[in-house]
Structures are given as structure tokens and as C-alpha cells.
Amino acid sequence: MEKAPLDYVESPVSLKSLDTFSDIDRTKLRRKIDFRILPLFTLLFLLSFLDRGNIGNAKIEGLAEDLNLQGNQYNLCLTIFFIFYATMEIPSNAILKRSRPDIFVPATVTLFAVVMTLMGTVQNYAQLMATRALLGFFEAALFPGISYILSMYYRKNELLFRQAIFVSAASIAGAFSGLLAAAISNMDGVGGYAGWRWIFILEGLLTFVCGVLSFWWFPKYPKDASFLTEREREFVLWNVHHSTNQDKVHPDAPKGEDTSSDKRYFFAVLKDINCWCQMFSYLGVALPTYGISLFLPTIVKNLGYTSVKSQLLTVPIYVVSCVWSIIQGYLSDRSWLRSPFLSFNYLCMIAGFIACICLDPRTNAHGIYAAMYIVGLGMYPAIPLSIVWNANNLSGSYKRAIGIGFQIGLANYGGAFVSNFYRNQDSPRFILGHALTLGFVCLGAAAMVIVVFNYVRTNRKDELALKDGEYENYSDEELLKMGDKSPYFSYRL
């Protein structure tokens, strides 16, 4: 086996031991970080998800008719967002790794807020397409960026609960979107603007205010975080660098993590079969999430309800999903298990979409509505779980940044696919849309099974290699440079 090059230098912080930080109250510090960054991250993601999904609410308030959208033009406006959104996620995370997050992320939020506001003034199909493309371009930095920043502040067994709180904003946004749309639709005609235009304008202005204010509140990386003392910054760096999967299995393994930035990590991700399987597994979660967020108001309206009532009936689905996401994140962190919970989530999604295919909303509207709850209970908790599981099993901060962007970026092309699954001519049953979505869910479940198999096999292989002394001549620096390919790295299931 070829040895890794020796360009890793362990920082003074990583050379310290836990005893060195006996003066640090870990629980108090963790809460301090929680209250400082989680509310802001959750708010910004809520607003971004609100802005990308409110076109579904605007549609049932007359957007398509007022802009004279023909055929599949509405679906293409959904598709163009995801093409730009997914394409920019890997580059944006690479830029974030080398820039100041307290400038880069607030700037992108402010820019997509401006685009959102201008969407309320579009007059035709071409203008709607252009604004949706720009919205995807600027929103691309937020989700993978915040996911990466969280991994810089929290240990691996602390991360999922926080990620679940942050990502729960997606389900909160769904509930909030329905309530806001129902209220704002009453402004129809105010200032000569239709109600759907006010949905874009007011929600865009709200995001703009929050984006500008976030320049003063968004955190820097831990090593420069002004809200932490120097001792606290040292401890956070030490704590995260030593949150490696091998600590419990191999207590004598080299401690720390490679923090160097090198383009070879980009190619390492591309050549890693586990990264590809994790991407496909996340695709099986992301695709139905975007499908439901964009088309749930339409699906519920086709059960026979008015526009306002259908907006309101989407709210409890999102609320229940939000609560369960946080509970599941807490349980997964406590148990250090990921795949068993993700398996449960896939079963819920499969059962829910099968019910949607089999039931006719004209004779069993309540059954379809109940199936949406089942889908939501599996779908929303699986988003943070899938991302954190992948992040937990990537070692080397740069590979983790690229790996998260790769997983989220490519999987989000699923949004472009699902934007064309639910067609007007398939109303009210949408069998084609539900069936295609179910197919991608099953693909994601199969990819998850392959990942588990690979992790178990690799862990056993590495354990035997260590017993046989195959790595005795490797230095600590060389082993750390190997990242998650080190024999001391144990993949978490």
C-alpha cells in the first residue's frame, strides 16, 4: 500500500488532553453555543425553504392563470430552480471552506431575498423562469454550508440532534407557509397586486431584513468565534478534532484529524463508493421532500377543499413531522445509531406512498390525508439523519466539506426530477407522481443497505489488518492523513 505524504502537522490544541480543559464546563459551553448559533441557523433555513416552496402556495392562488402559463411551463419553473441549486452546492461549500462564513452566508441570504421580492413583480413565463434560476443560484450555499459549520462546533454524537433542530425548519416552513399564504391571500387587490404576488413580496422582504441583520450575528469558524473566550475556542477545536469514530474501539490510535486543504480530497470523494451510496440514499429522501413541499397544497386541494382550507390543512402534517424529527435526532445521538432509524424512515415513506397509489381521493380523502402524515413522519427526520450519518463517516475536515456538498448537491437534482412528476392531467390521483417518487425512495433504501454492508465489511477487514500488524510501520501523521481510510477509523452504523 502506498503511504500518504507527510504534510500534516498537528496543532498545539490537538496535542492537549481532556485533563488540560478541566476548567471548562462542557454542558454550559454546549448550551452557550446552542443558544448562539442554532436559532439563527434555524431561522435562515426556515426562510430559505419558505422562499423556494411558496410557489406551490402561489399556484393555487392564481399564479399560473395570471401569468398565462401553458402546458408544463409551471413545472419547468420548478425544475430550473433545482438545476442551479444543485449545481452550485459543491462549489459554494468549497468557497465557504476558504472564506469567512460570517460574510459569505449572510450575503447569499440577502441576495436570494432580493430575488424573492422581485418575483412578486414578474409579468410572464420568461421572467418567472429567470427569477427561479437566480433563487436557486443564491440559495445553494445555505444548507450544505450550515451543515458543514455545525460539524465544526459539535462532536459527532452531539451533531444529529442539532442538525435535526436546524432541518426541522423545513417542516416548520411548510406549516408557516400554509398559514402565511392563507392570511396573505386576503390582500388580493391591495395596491393593484394579486394575492399571490404579495406572498412573494412580503416573504421576500422578511428574508431580506433577516439576511441583513445576520451580518452582525452569524458566527465565524470556532477558532475565530468572538462569542467564545480563548479557552473555549481551544476546547471546541480540541473537542471536535478528537470526536473520531475510532476513540472507543482503539483507544491507542492516533488522535486528531487532518485539517489540510488539498484538491486530492475532491477526487477522493469522487472515487469513494460510500460517498456515492450516501448520495443516492439522500436522493431517496430529498426527492420526496421537495415533491411534497411543492405539491402538497395541490394534493390536499384535490381532496375537495377550498384554497384557504387546503393551505391550513397542510399545517398539522408539518408540525407533527417537525416534533418527530427532533425526538428522533435526540434518540439517535443518545444511541449512536443511524441506520436503524433511517430504515424506519424509509419504511414509513414506502408505506405512505403505496397508500397514496392505492387509494382514490374521490372516495377516500381521509385515507390520502392520513398517508401524507405517514410520509412526513419518515421523510423529514431522514433529512438530517442522512446528512449527519455521512458526515460522521468522513474524516478530514476538507473531505467532509466536499463530501457533504457532493451528497446534498447531486441529490438535490432530484428536485428537478420531481418537479415534473405531478402533472395537472394526472389530477386528482397523481398515480404517476406517487409511483415515480416511490421508485426513488426504494432506490435510496437500497443504497442505504449497500452502505451498511460496506461499513460492516470494512470495519471487520481493518480490525483483522491491525491484529496482523499491517500498519506497524506507519507514523501517526501518516495514519491521520488517511482519514476515514485509516484502519483505526471505525464506520458508525
Protein backbone atom coordinates (compact mmCIF):
# COMPACT_ATOMS: atom_id res chain seq x y z
CA MET A 1 0.00 0.00 0.00
CA GLU A 2 1.32 3.45 -0.89
CA LYS A 3 1.90 5.66 2.11
CA ALA A 4 0.31 9.07 2.40
CA PRO A 5 2.52 12.15 2.03
CA LEU A 6 3.76 13.75 5.23
CA ASP A 7 2.30 17.25 5.06
CA TYR A 8 0.07 17.04 8.12
CA VAL A 9 1.21 19.00 11.16
CA GLU A 10 -0.77 18.50 14.36
CA SER A 11 -1.76 21.76 16.02
CA PRO A 12 -0.88 22.52 19.65
CA VAL A 13 -4.57 22.27 20.52
CA SER A 14 -4.80 18.72 19.18
CA LEU A 15 -1.81 17.68 21.30
CA LYS A 16 -3.62 18.50 24.52
CA SER A 17 -5.61 16.03 26.59
CA LEU A 18 -9.04 16.32 28.17
CA ASP A 19 -7.42 16.90 31.58
CA THR A 20 -5.98 20.14 30.22
CA PHE A 21 -9.54 21.51 29.97
CA SER A 22 -10.71 20.60 33.48
CA ASP A 23 -11.72 24.24 33.98
CA ILE A 24 -14.26 24.06 31.13
CA ASP A 25 -17.88 23.27 31.98
CA ARG A 26 -18.74 21.23 28.88
CA THR A 27 -22.52 21.30 29.42
CA LYS A 28 -22.56 25.05 29.96
CA LEU A 29 -20.37 25.66 26.90
CA ARG A 30 -22.53 23.40 24.73
CA ARG A 31 -25.64 25.34 25.74
CA LYS A 32 -23.85 28.62 25.07
CA ILE A 33 -23.07 27.51 21.52
CA ASP A 34 -26.60 26.14 21.07
CA PHE A 35 -28.27 29.41 22.01
CA ARG A 36 -25.81 31.45 19.96
CA ILE A 37 -25.99 29.67 16.60
CA LEU A 38 -28.98 27.29 16.43
CA PRO A 39 -31.78 29.91 16.50
CA LEU A 40 -30.14 31.88 13.68
CA PHE A 41 -29.37 28.81 11.57
CA THR A 42 -32.91 27.53 12.02
CA LEU A 43 -34.44 30.89 11.13
CA LEU A 44 -32.37 31.32 7.97
CA PHE A 45 -33.10 27.81 6.74
CA LEU A 46 -36.79 28.27 7.52
CA LEU A 47 -36.83 31.41 5.39
CA SER A 48 -34.94 29.76 2.52
CA PHE A 49 -37.28 26.77 2.48
CA LEU A 50 -40.24 29.14 2.72
CA ASP A 51 -38.98 31.13 -0.26
CA ARG A 52 -38.30 28.14 -2.50
CA GLY A 53 -41.59 26.40 -1.70
CA ASN A 54 -44.09 29.26 -1.59
CA ILE A 55 -44.60 28.98 -5.35
CA GLY A 56 -46.78 25.95 -4.53
CA ASN A 57 -49.00 28.17 -2.39
CA ALA A 58 -48.98 30.90 -5.05
CA LYS A 59 -50.11 28.40 -7.69
CA ILE A 60 -53.42 27.64 -6.04
CA GLU A 61 -53.96 31.39 -5.56
CA GLY A 62 -53.89 32.02 -9.32
CA LEU A 63 -50.22 32.42 -10.35
CA ALA A 64 -50.47 30.12 -13.38
CA GLU A 65 -53.63 31.79 -14.68
CA ASP A 66 -52.37 35.37 -14.23
CA LEU A 67 -49.06 34.65 -16.00
CA ASN A 68 -50.83 32.57 -18.66
CA LEU A 69 -48.59 29.55 -18.07
CA GLN A 70 -49.24 26.85 -20.65
CA GLY A 71 -48.61 23.09 -20.61
CA ASN A 72 -45.62 22.19 -18.46
CA GLN A 73 -44.30 25.75 -18.06
CA TYR A 74 -45.10 25.82 -14.34
CA ASN A 75 -43.21 22.56 -13.83
CA LEU A 76 -40.23 23.92 -15.77
CA CYS A 77 -40.13 26.93 -13.44
CA LEU A 78 -39.78 24.47 -10.56
CA THR A 79 -37.15 22.47 -12.45
CA ILE A 80 -34.85 25.40 -13.27
CA PHE A 81 -34.53 26.26 -9.57
CA PHE A 82 -33.13 22.84 -8.71
CA ILE A 83 -30.73 22.74 -11.66
CA PHE A 84 -28.99 25.92 -10.46
CA TYR A 85 -29.40 25.00 -6.79
CA ALA A 86 -27.81 21.56 -7.10
CA THR A 87 -25.06 22.68 -9.48
CA MET A 88 -23.79 25.39 -7.12
CA GLU A 89 -23.77 23.43 -3.85
CA ILE A 90 -20.36 21.77 -4.22
CA PRO A 91 -18.60 24.97 -5.41
CA SER A 92 -20.27 27.01 -2.66
CA ASN A 93 -19.04 24.66 0.07
CA ALA A 94 -15.52 24.76 -1.37
CA ILE A 95 -15.68 28.58 -1.32
CA LEU A 96 -17.05 28.55 2.23
CA LYS A 97 -14.16 26.38 3.42
CA ARG A 98 -11.72 29.08 2.27
CA SER A 99 -13.72 32.20 3.21
CA ARG A 100 -15.38 33.90 6.17
CA PRO A 101 -18.77 32.29 6.87
CA ASP A 102 -19.99 35.43 8.67
CA ILE A 103 -19.72 37.33 5.37
CA PHE A 104 -20.37 34.68 2.73
CA VAL A 105 -23.57 33.13 4.12
CA PRO A 106 -25.38 36.39 5.09
CA ALA A 107 -24.52 37.82 1.66
CA THR A 108 -26.14 34.89 -0.14
CA VAL A 109 -29.22 35.12 2.11
CA THR A 110 -29.61 38.83 1.35
CA LEU A 111 -29.26 38.21 -2.39
CA PHE A 112 -31.86 35.46 -2.59
CA ALA A 113 -34.19 37.65 -0.52
CA VAL A 114 -33.93 40.38 -3.17
CA VAL A 115 -34.71 37.83 -5.89
CA MET A 116 -37.68 36.53 -3.90
CA THR A 117 -39.14 40.02 -3.55
CA LEU A 118 -38.72 40.75 -7.26
CA MET A 119 -40.55 37.51 -8.07
CA GLY A 120 -43.70 39.26 -6.91
CA THR A 121 -43.41 41.67 -9.86
CA VAL A 122 -42.92 39.18 -12.73
CA GLN A 123 -45.26 39.57 -15.68
CA ASN A 124 -44.65 36.47 -17.79
CA TYR A 125 -43.18 32.99 -18.00
CA ALA A 126 -39.68 34.15 -19.00
CA GLN A 127 -39.37 36.48 -16.01
CA LEU A 128 -40.59 33.79 -13.62
CA MET A 129 -38.03 31.34 -15.05
CA ALA A 130 -35.21 33.87 -14.63
CA THR A 131 -36.05 34.68 -11.02
CA ARG A 132 -36.42 30.99 -10.10
CA ALA A 133 -32.98 30.29 -11.63
CA LEU A 134 -31.38 33.13 -9.63
CA LEU A 135 -33.14 31.96 -6.48
CA GLY A 136 -31.59 28.51 -6.85
CA PHE A 137 -28.16 30.01 -7.58
CA PHE A 138 -28.07 32.07 -4.38
CA GLU A 139 -29.83 29.61 -2.07
CA ALA A 140 -27.32 26.86 -2.86
CA ALA A 141 -24.80 27.99 -0.24
CA LEU A 142 -27.05 27.88 2.80
CA PHE A 143 -27.95 24.26 3.54
CA PRO A 144 -24.61 22.49 2.91
CA GLY A 145 -22.78 25.48 4.37
CA ILE A 146 -24.60 25.44 7.68
CA SER A 147 -24.35 21.65 7.83
CA TYR A 148 -20.58 21.96 7.49
CA ILE A 149 -20.33 24.78 10.06
CA LEU A 150 -22.28 22.70 12.59
CA SER A 151 -19.77 19.88 12.15
CA MET A 152 -17.03 22.33 13.17
CA TYR A 153 -18.70 23.13 16.51
CA TYR A 154 -20.09 19.78 17.70
CA ARG A 155 -18.81 16.28 18.34
CA LYS A 156 -20.25 13.50 16.21
CA ASN A 157 -22.55 12.22 18.95
CA GLU A 158 -23.86 15.77 19.52
CA LEU A 159 -24.41 16.67 15.88
CA LEU A 160 -27.63 14.96 14.78
CA PHE A 161 -29.84 16.48 17.48
CA ARG A 162 -28.63 19.95 16.46
CA GLN A 163 -28.94 19.15 12.77
CA ALA A 164 -32.49 17.90 13.41
CA ILE A 165 -33.41 21.18 15.11
CA PHE A 166 -31.94 23.16 12.21
CA VAL A 167 -33.52 21.00 9.49
CA SER A 168 -36.86 20.91 11.31
CA ALA A 169 -37.17 24.41 9.90
CA ALA A 170 -38.13 22.72 6.63
CA SER A 171 -41.26 21.27 8.19
CA ILE A 172 -41.89 24.46 10.17
CA ALA A 173 -41.63 26.37 6.89
CA GLY A 174 -44.27 24.11 5.40
CA ALA A 175 -46.64 24.87 8.26
CA PHE A 176 -45.73 28.56 8.30
CA SER A 177 -46.12 28.79 4.54
CA GLY A 178 -49.67 27.47 4.68
CA LEU A 179 -50.65 29.88 7.45
CA LEU A 180 -48.99 32.87 5.77
CA ALA A 181 -50.45 32.07 2.38
CA ALA A 182 -53.94 31.76 3.84
CA ALA A 183 -53.55 35.16 5.53
CA ILE A 184 -51.74 37.00 2.72
CA SER A 185 -54.23 35.79 0.10
CA ASN A 186 -56.72 38.15 1.75
CA MET A 187 -54.58 41.03 0.42
CA ASP A 188 -55.72 40.22 -3.11
CA GLY A 189 -56.14 43.53 -4.95
CA VAL A 190 -54.22 45.67 -2.43
CA GLY A 191 -52.02 48.12 -4.35
CA GLY A 192 -53.26 46.58 -7.57
CA TYR A 193 -51.39 43.34 -6.85
CA ALA A 194 -52.89 39.86 -6.80
CA GLY A 195 -52.71 37.90 -3.54
CA TRP A 196 -50.06 35.50 -4.86
CA ARG A 197 -47.77 38.44 -5.64
CA TRP A 198 -47.98 39.62 -2.03
CA ILE A 199 -46.91 36.13 -0.90
CA PHE A 200 -43.60 36.58 -2.76
CA ILE A 201 -43.13 40.25 -1.85
CA LEU A 202 -43.81 40.06 1.89
CA GLU A 203 -41.92 36.81 2.45
CA GLY A 204 -39.01 38.19 0.41
CA LEU A 205 -38.89 41.39 2.46
CA LEU A 206 -38.92 39.38 5.70
CA THR A 207 -35.97 37.33 4.47
CA PHE A 208 -34.13 40.49 3.40
CA VAL A 209 -34.39 42.03 6.87
CA CYS A 210 -33.14 38.82 8.50
CA GLY A 211 -30.33 38.48 5.94
CA VAL A 212 -29.02 41.99 6.60
CA LEU A 213 -29.23 41.54 10.39
CA SER A 214 -27.37 38.21 10.15
CA PHE A 215 -24.19 40.08 9.13
CA TRP A 216 -23.93 41.09 12.81
CA TRP A 217 -24.92 37.72 14.28
CA PHE A 218 -23.64 34.95 12.02
CA PRO A 219 -20.72 33.11 13.69
CA LYS A 220 -17.21 32.72 12.38
CA TYR A 221 -15.39 29.41 12.50
CA PRO A 222 -14.66 28.25 16.08
CA LYS A 223 -11.02 29.37 16.01
CA ASP A 224 -12.17 32.99 15.43
CA ALA A 225 -15.58 32.94 17.18
CA SER A 226 -15.89 36.21 19.10
CA PHE A 227 -18.68 34.91 21.34
CA LEU A 228 -16.28 32.34 22.84
CA THR A 229 -13.35 33.01 25.16
CA GLU A 230 -9.88 31.94 24.10
CA ARG A 231 -10.07 28.87 26.36
CA GLU A 232 -13.48 27.95 24.99
CA ARG A 233 -12.22 28.26 21.41
CA GLU A 234 -9.31 25.96 22.22
CA PHE A 235 -11.64 23.41 23.79
CA VAL A 236 -14.12 23.42 20.89
CA LEU A 237 -11.28 22.81 18.43
CA TRP A 238 -9.86 20.03 20.58
CA ASN A 239 -13.30 18.52 21.20
CA VAL A 240 -14.24 18.33 17.51
CA HIS A 241 -10.82 17.16 16.33
CA HIS A 242 -10.94 14.30 18.82
CA SER A 243 -14.52 13.33 18.01
CA THR A 244 -13.33 10.47 15.83
CA ASN A 245 -15.02 7.14 15.31
CA GLN A 246 -12.05 5.11 16.49
CA ASP A 247 -11.76 6.52 20.03
CA LYS A 248 -13.80 3.82 21.79
CA VAL A 249 -12.65 0.87 19.69
CA HIS A 250 -8.94 1.73 19.55
CA PRO A 251 -8.02 3.99 22.48
CA ASP A 252 -4.33 3.97 21.48
CA ALA A 253 -4.99 5.13 17.93
CA PRO A 254 -3.54 8.48 16.81
CA LYS A 255 -5.83 11.28 17.96
CA GLY A 256 -6.93 14.27 15.96
CA GLU A 257 -7.94 14.88 12.36
CA ASP A 258 -6.27 16.09 9.19
CA THR A 259 -7.28 19.73 8.66
CA SER A 260 -5.29 20.44 5.49
CA SER A 261 -6.97 21.66 2.32
CA ASP A 262 -5.99 19.82 -0.83
CA LYS A 263 -7.69 19.22 -4.17
CA ARG A 264 -6.97 15.49 -3.83
CA TYR A 265 -9.85 15.29 -1.35
CA PHE A 266 -12.25 16.28 -4.11
CA PHE A 267 -11.10 13.30 -6.16
CA ALA A 268 -11.10 11.12 -3.03
CA VAL A 269 -14.82 11.81 -2.66
CA LEU A 270 -15.48 11.01 -6.33
CA LYS A 271 -13.66 7.68 -6.01
CA ASP A 272 -15.34 6.68 -2.74
CA ILE A 273 -18.19 4.20 -3.35
CA ASN A 274 -19.60 5.01 0.09
CA CYS A 275 -19.95 8.69 -0.83
CA TRP A 276 -21.90 7.72 -3.95
CA CYS A 277 -24.18 5.37 -2.00
CA GLN A 278 -24.76 8.03 0.66
CA MET A 279 -25.68 10.45 -2.11
CA PHE A 280 -28.23 8.03 -3.60
CA SER A 281 -29.57 7.30 -0.12
CA TYR A 282 -30.10 11.03 0.43
CA LEU A 283 -31.69 11.31 -3.03
CA GLY A 284 -34.35 8.89 -1.78
CA VAL A 285 -35.11 11.40 0.97
CA ALA A 286 -34.61 14.75 -0.76
CA LEU A 287 -36.73 13.98 -3.82
CA PRO A 288 -39.97 13.20 -1.95
CA THR A 289 -39.34 16.12 0.42
CA TYR A 290 -39.28 18.59 -2.46
CA GLY A 291 -42.21 16.88 -4.12
CA ILE A 292 -44.38 17.15 -1.03
CA SER A 293 -43.33 20.72 -0.22
CA LEU A 294 -44.16 21.87 -3.76
CA PHE A 295 -47.32 19.87 -4.41
CA LEU A 296 -48.91 19.17 -1.01
CA PRO A 297 -51.24 22.22 -1.25
CA THR A 298 -52.39 20.98 -4.68
CA ILE A 299 -52.80 17.38 -3.48
CA VAL A 300 -54.87 18.50 -0.48
CA LYS A 301 -56.96 20.88 -2.58
CA ASN A 302 -57.81 17.99 -4.91
CA LEU A 303 -59.34 16.20 -1.93
CA GLY A 304 -62.24 18.63 -2.34
CA TYR A 305 -61.26 21.58 -0.12
CA THR A 306 -61.16 25.31 -0.88
CA SER A 307 -57.82 27.05 -1.45
CA VAL A 308 -57.72 28.60 2.04
CA LYS A 309 -58.75 25.39 3.81
CA SER A 310 -56.24 23.32 1.86
CA GLN A 311 -53.49 25.77 2.88
CA LEU A 312 -54.49 25.34 6.54
CA LEU A 313 -54.82 21.54 6.35
CA THR A 314 -51.14 21.24 5.39
CA VAL A 315 -50.08 22.83 8.69
CA PRO A 316 -50.61 19.90 11.13
CA ILE A 317 -48.74 17.50 8.82
CA TYR A 318 -45.65 19.68 9.05
CA VAL A 319 -45.99 20.28 12.79
CA VAL A 320 -46.15 16.56 13.61
CA SER A 321 -43.18 15.87 11.33
CA CYS A 322 -41.16 18.63 12.98
CA VAL A 323 -41.70 17.29 16.51
CA TRP A 324 -40.85 13.73 15.48
CA SER A 325 -37.68 14.91 13.68
CA ILE A 326 -36.30 16.44 16.86
CA ILE A 327 -37.27 13.44 19.01
CA GLN A 328 -35.65 11.01 16.58
CA GLY A 329 -32.49 13.13 16.38
CA TYR A 330 -32.16 13.06 20.16
CA LEU A 331 -32.68 9.28 20.33
CA SER A 332 -30.19 8.63 17.54
CA ASP A 333 -27.49 10.76 19.18
CA ARG A 334 -28.06 9.04 22.51
CA SER A 335 -27.82 5.56 20.99
CA TRP A 336 -25.02 6.39 18.50
CA LEU A 337 -27.08 4.57 15.85
CA ARG A 338 -28.05 6.00 12.47
CA SER A 339 -29.05 3.26 10.01
CA PRO A 340 -31.79 1.62 12.18
CA PHE A 341 -33.62 4.94 12.44
CA LEU A 342 -33.12 5.65 8.74
CA SER A 343 -34.52 2.20 7.93
CA PHE A 344 -37.66 3.03 9.90
CA ASN A 345 -37.99 6.30 7.99
CA TYR A 346 -37.77 4.54 4.64
CA LEU A 347 -40.46 2.06 5.70
CA CYS A 348 -42.77 4.96 6.60
CA MET A 349 -42.23 6.65 3.23
CA ILE A 350 -42.74 3.42 1.30
CA ALA A 351 -45.95 2.62 3.20
CA GLY A 352 -47.27 6.16 2.77
CA PHE A 353 -46.70 6.36 -0.99
CA ILE A 354 -48.13 2.87 -1.56
CA ALA A 355 -51.28 4.04 0.24
CA CYS A 356 -51.42 7.16 -1.96
CA ILE A 357 -51.22 4.99 -5.08
CA CYS A 358 -53.87 2.50 -3.94
CA LEU A 359 -56.44 4.94 -2.53
CA ASP A 360 -58.77 7.12 -4.61
CA PRO A 361 -59.12 10.64 -3.12
CA ARG A 362 -62.64 10.92 -4.53
CA THR A 363 -63.83 8.07 -2.30
CA ASN A 364 -61.22 8.05 0.48
CA ALA A 365 -59.98 11.59 1.03
CA HIS A 366 -59.26 10.93 4.70
CA GLY A 367 -57.09 7.94 3.79
CA ILE A 368 -54.94 10.06 1.44
CA TYR A 369 -54.65 12.76 4.09
CA ALA A 370 -53.54 10.18 6.68
CA ALA A 371 -50.99 8.78 4.22
CA MET A 372 -49.43 12.25 3.98
CA TYR A 373 -48.81 12.12 7.74
CA ILE A 374 -47.07 8.75 7.39
CA VAL A 375 -44.89 10.05 4.56
CA GLY A 376 -43.98 13.14 6.60
CA LEU A 377 -43.05 11.08 9.66
CA GLY A 378 -40.49 9.21 7.57
CA MET A 379 -39.35 11.97 5.26
CA TYR A 380 -38.45 14.94 7.43
CA PRO A 381 -36.46 13.09 10.15
CA ALA A 382 -34.49 11.32 7.40
CA ILE A 383 -33.05 14.58 6.03
CA PRO A 384 -30.74 15.44 8.97
CA LEU A 385 -30.17 11.77 9.75
CA SER A 386 -28.86 11.00 6.27
CA ILE A 387 -26.56 14.04 6.18
CA VAL A 388 -25.13 13.55 9.68
CA TRP A 389 -24.59 9.82 9.11
CA ASN A 390 -22.48 10.67 6.06
CA ALA A 391 -20.62 13.46 7.90
CA ASN A 392 -19.89 11.12 10.83
CA ASN A 393 -18.17 8.71 8.47
CA LEU A 394 -15.97 11.23 6.63
CA SER A 395 -12.65 12.11 8.23
CA GLY A 396 -10.57 15.12 7.30
CA SER A 397 -12.32 18.49 7.51
CA TYR A 398 -11.84 19.28 3.81
CA LYS A 399 -13.06 15.87 2.64
CA ARG A 400 -16.06 16.27 4.94
CA ALA A 401 -16.86 19.70 3.44
CA ILE A 402 -16.60 18.35 -0.11
CA GLY A 403 -18.43 15.13 0.82
CA ILE A 404 -21.39 16.98 2.33
CA GLY A 405 -21.61 19.29 -0.69
CA PHE A 406 -21.37 16.29 -3.02
CA GLN A 407 -24.13 14.40 -1.20
CA ILE A 408 -26.53 17.32 -0.94
CA GLY A 409 -25.65 18.86 -4.30
CA LEU A 410 -26.13 15.85 -6.55
CA ALA A 411 -29.13 14.54 -4.60
CA ASN A 412 -30.87 17.88 -4.97
CA TYR A 413 -31.11 17.30 -8.71
CA GLY A 414 -33.96 15.10 -7.52
CA GLY A 415 -35.89 18.33 -7.06
CA ALA A 416 -35.64 18.91 -10.81
CA PHE A 417 -36.99 15.41 -11.45
CA VAL A 418 -39.90 15.55 -9.03
CA SER A 419 -40.92 18.99 -10.31
CA ASN A 420 -42.21 17.18 -13.39
CA PHE A 421 -43.75 14.14 -11.69
CA TYR A 422 -47.03 15.71 -10.56
CA ARG A 423 -48.82 16.85 -13.72
CA ASN A 424 -52.17 18.61 -13.96
CA GLN A 425 -53.54 15.91 -16.26
CA ASP A 426 -52.94 13.29 -13.55
CA SER A 427 -55.19 15.05 -11.05
CA PRO A 428 -56.72 14.11 -8.64
CA ARG A 429 -54.95 10.78 -8.01
CA PHE A 430 -51.45 11.67 -9.26
CA ILE A 431 -50.62 7.97 -9.57
CA LEU A 432 -47.65 8.61 -11.87
CA GLY A 433 -46.14 11.16 -9.47
CA HIS A 434 -46.57 8.94 -6.41
CA ALA A 435 -45.23 5.87 -8.25
CA LEU A 436 -42.12 7.62 -9.58
CA THR A 437 -41.43 9.10 -6.15
CA LEU A 438 -41.84 5.67 -4.56
CA GLY A 439 -39.30 4.30 -7.04
CA PHE A 440 -36.69 6.83 -5.93
CA VAL A 441 -37.46 6.11 -2.27
CA CYS A 442 -36.80 2.41 -2.91
CA LEU A 443 -33.56 3.33 -4.71
CA GLY A 444 -32.46 5.29 -1.64
CA ALA A 445 -33.32 2.40 0.66
CA ALA A 446 -31.28 0.01 -1.48
CA ALA A 447 -28.30 2.40 -1.42
CA MET A 448 -28.56 2.58 2.38
CA VAL A 449 -28.37 -1.23 2.61
CA ILE A 450 -25.23 -1.22 0.44
CA VAL A 451 -23.64 1.44 2.67
CA VAL A 452 -24.31 -0.60 5.81
CA PHE A 453 -22.83 -3.70 4.16
CA ASN A 454 -19.70 -1.78 3.10
CA TYR A 455 -19.24 -0.24 6.54
CA VAL A 456 -19.55 -3.58 8.35
CA ARG A 457 -17.20 -5.32 5.91
CA THR A 458 -14.57 -2.56 6.09
CA ASN A 459 -14.66 -2.43 9.89
CA ARG A 460 -14.01 -6.17 10.08
CA LYS A 461 -11.26 -6.02 7.46
CA ASP A 462 -9.46 -3.17 9.26
CA GLU A 463 -9.71 -4.94 12.60
CA LEU A 464 -8.00 -8.02 11.14
CA ALA A 465 -5.34 -5.86 9.49
CA LEU A 466 -4.49 -4.24 12.82
CA LYS A 467 -4.23 -7.62 14.52
CA ASP A 468 -1.85 -8.80 11.77
CA GLY A 469 0.33 -5.72 12.25
CA GLU A 470 -0.01 -4.46 8.68
CA TYR A 471 0.26 -0.82 9.77
CA GLU A 472 3.00 -1.05 12.40
CA ASN A 473 5.45 1.00 10.32
CA TYR A 474 3.05 3.87 9.76
CA SER A 475 3.55 7.05 11.78
CA ASP A 476 0.68 8.88 13.47
CA GLU A 477 0.88 11.61 10.82
CA GLU A 478 0.54 9.09 8.00
CA LEU A 479 -2.41 7.35 9.65
CA LEU A 480 -4.20 10.64 10.27
CA LYS A 481 -3.62 11.67 6.66
CA MET A 482 -5.50 8.55 5.55
CA GLY A 483 -8.66 9.99 7.12
CA ASP A 484 -11.61 7.59 7.09
CA LYS A 485 -9.47 5.07 5.18
CA SER A 486 -7.26 4.65 8.23
CA PRO A 487 -7.54 1.17 9.80
CA TYR A 488 -8.23 2.88 13.12
CA PHE A 489 -11.30 4.61 11.73
CA SER A 490 -14.44 2.66 12.60
CA TYR A 491 -17.51 3.43 10.49
CA ARG A 492 -20.61 4.23 12.51
CA LEU A 493 -23.75 2.30 11.68
